[in-house]
């Protein structure tokens, strides 16, 4: 179950080299994750209001190519459950004009309750089911 979002590079996201600054990709990936959650009826703001916080605990990112001003690109998001308390977003950024892989990332997260203890609420469990082997 992959999710896709289409975006376009804005000039101010680029550095002096004329390419998207490496830190900007984290923003792109985060935006795609939030849109993925929204598309799966997970209300990030409501969870926070209920004192359930989704948190990133690890990020792995491989930079394969660079985007430039005006480039159109898309991000694929694939959810994976990695353990009883952790879930992952496998994400790839592709340049649209040639489908070139620009970034491959894995973002590991969990959710914590108001006491800061990890747990997985029902909404997340439905989107990231635990696979029994």
Protein backbone atom coordinates (compact mmCIF):
# COMPACT_ATOMS: atom_id res chain seq x y z
CA UNK A 1 0.00 0.00 0.00
CA UNK A 2 2.07 2.91 -1.29
CA UNK A 3 1.05 6.54 -1.23
CA UNK A 4 2.22 9.17 -3.73
CA UNK A 5 2.44 12.93 -3.47
CA UNK A 6 3.58 15.25 -6.27
CA UNK A 7 5.55 18.43 -5.51
CA UNK A 8 7.75 21.06 -7.17
CA UNK A 9 11.06 22.56 -6.01
CA UNK A 10 10.82 26.19 -4.95
CA UNK A 11 13.78 28.50 -5.59
CA UNK A 12 14.36 29.30 -1.92
CA UNK A 13 14.90 25.61 -1.12
CA UNK A 14 18.17 25.64 -3.06
CA UNK A 15 21.64 26.48 -1.80
CA UNK A 16 24.50 28.40 -3.42
CA UNK A 17 25.29 25.37 -5.60
CA UNK A 18 21.86 25.71 -7.23
CA UNK A 19 20.56 22.40 -5.89
CA UNK A 20 18.06 21.54 -3.17
CA UNK A 21 19.78 21.81 0.20
CA UNK A 22 20.15 18.40 1.85
CA UNK A 23 18.16 19.53 4.93
CA UNK A 24 15.14 20.41 2.78
CA UNK A 25 14.63 16.76 1.88
CA UNK A 26 13.71 16.08 5.52
CA UNK A 27 10.90 18.64 5.13
CA UNK A 28 9.73 16.99 1.91
CA UNK A 29 9.72 13.58 3.56
CA UNK A 30 7.88 14.86 6.64
CA UNK A 31 5.23 16.56 4.52
CA UNK A 32 4.70 13.32 2.58
CA UNK A 33 4.32 11.34 5.82
CA UNK A 34 1.73 13.79 7.15
CA UNK A 35 -0.21 13.62 3.88
CA UNK A 36 -0.03 9.82 3.99
CA UNK A 37 -1.47 9.82 7.52
CA UNK A 38 -4.20 12.27 6.50
CA UNK A 39 -5.09 10.10 3.47
CA UNK A 40 -5.46 7.18 5.89
CA UNK A 41 -7.83 9.13 8.18
CA UNK A 42 -5.22 9.67 10.89
CA UNK A 43 -5.66 13.15 12.34
CA UNK A 44 -2.21 14.17 13.54
CA UNK A 45 -3.59 17.25 15.34
CA UNK A 46 -6.32 15.24 17.10
CA UNK A 47 -3.80 12.68 18.29
CA UNK A 48 -1.66 15.48 19.73
CA UNK A 49 -4.73 17.01 21.40
CA UNK A 50 -5.41 13.58 22.93
CA UNK A 51 -1.82 13.63 24.24
CA UNK A 52 -0.69 10.96 21.80
CA UNK A 53 2.46 12.04 20.01
CA UNK A 54 3.94 10.40 16.95
CA UNK A 55 7.71 10.74 17.12
CA UNK A 56 10.62 9.98 14.84
CA UNK A 57 13.28 7.90 16.56
CA UNK A 58 15.58 7.18 13.61
CA UNK A 59 16.17 8.52 10.11
CA UNK A 60 18.21 6.91 7.37
CA UNK A 61 18.60 8.82 4.12
CA UNK A 62 20.62 8.06 1.01
CA UNK A 63 21.14 10.91 -1.45
CA UNK A 64 21.33 9.57 -5.01
CA UNK A 65 20.93 12.70 -7.17
CA UNK A 66 20.04 16.37 -6.84
CA UNK A 67 16.89 18.32 -7.54
CA UNK A 68 17.13 21.83 -8.97
CA UNK A 69 14.82 24.88 -9.01
CA UNK A 70 11.56 24.14 -10.82
CA UNK A 71 12.05 20.36 -10.86
CA UNK A 72 8.83 18.46 -10.38
CA UNK A 73 9.14 15.39 -8.23
CA UNK A 74 7.08 12.82 -6.40
CA UNK A 75 7.47 10.99 -3.14
CA UNK A 76 6.34 7.43 -2.51
CA UNK A 77 5.50 6.41 1.05
CA UNK A 78 5.16 2.77 2.04
CA UNK A 79 4.25 1.87 5.65
CA UNK A 80 5.98 -1.02 7.40
CA UNK A 81 5.61 -2.33 10.94
CA UNK A 82 9.03 -3.12 12.38
CA UNK A 83 8.09 -4.27 15.90
CA UNK A 84 5.32 -4.20 18.48
CA UNK A 85 6.11 -0.55 19.29
CA UNK A 86 7.81 0.76 16.13
CA UNK A 87 6.69 1.52 12.60
CA UNK A 88 8.57 2.67 9.52
CA UNK A 89 7.93 4.84 6.53
CA UNK A 90 9.92 3.67 3.52
CA UNK A 91 10.16 6.72 1.27
CA UNK A 92 11.61 7.45 -2.14
CA UNK A 93 11.87 10.79 -3.92
CA UNK A 94 11.84 10.62 -7.74
CA UNK A 95 12.38 13.39 -10.28
CA UNK A 96 9.25 13.32 -12.45
CA UNK A 97 10.74 14.05 -15.89
CA UNK A 98 12.90 10.92 -15.94
CA UNK A 99 11.76 8.93 -12.87
CA UNK A 100 15.29 9.20 -11.48
CA UNK A 101 15.66 8.16 -7.86
CA UNK A 102 16.85 11.20 -5.91
CA UNK A 103 16.50 10.08 -2.29
CA UNK A 104 15.81 6.77 -0.56
CA UNK A 105 14.88 7.01 3.11
CA UNK A 106 13.60 4.96 6.00
CA UNK A 107 12.05 6.86 8.88
CA UNK A 108 11.37 4.86 12.05
CA UNK A 109 8.79 6.13 14.51
CA UNK A 110 6.71 5.24 17.50
CA UNK A 111 3.93 6.91 19.43
CA UNK A 112 4.09 7.96 23.04
CA UNK A 113 1.36 8.64 25.57
CA UNK A 114 1.16 11.66 27.90
CA UNK A 115 3.66 10.01 30.25
CA UNK A 116 6.15 9.59 27.40
CA UNK A 117 5.70 5.82 27.27
CA UNK A 118 5.71 4.14 23.86
CA UNK A 119 2.56 2.41 22.65
CA UNK A 120 0.68 2.04 19.38
CA UNK A 121 -2.86 3.46 19.28
CA UNK A 122 -5.57 1.70 17.27
CA UNK A 123 -5.42 4.25 14.42
CA UNK A 124 -1.75 3.54 13.81
CA UNK A 125 -2.17 -0.19 14.32
CA UNK A 126 -4.69 -0.27 11.44
CA UNK A 127 -2.29 1.41 9.01
CA UNK A 128 0.82 -0.41 10.27
CA UNK A 129 -0.44 -3.92 11.12
CA UNK A 130 1.94 -6.17 13.01
CA UNK A 131 2.90 -9.08 10.75
CA UNK A 132 2.98 -12.45 12.47
CA UNK A 133 5.56 -14.83 11.03
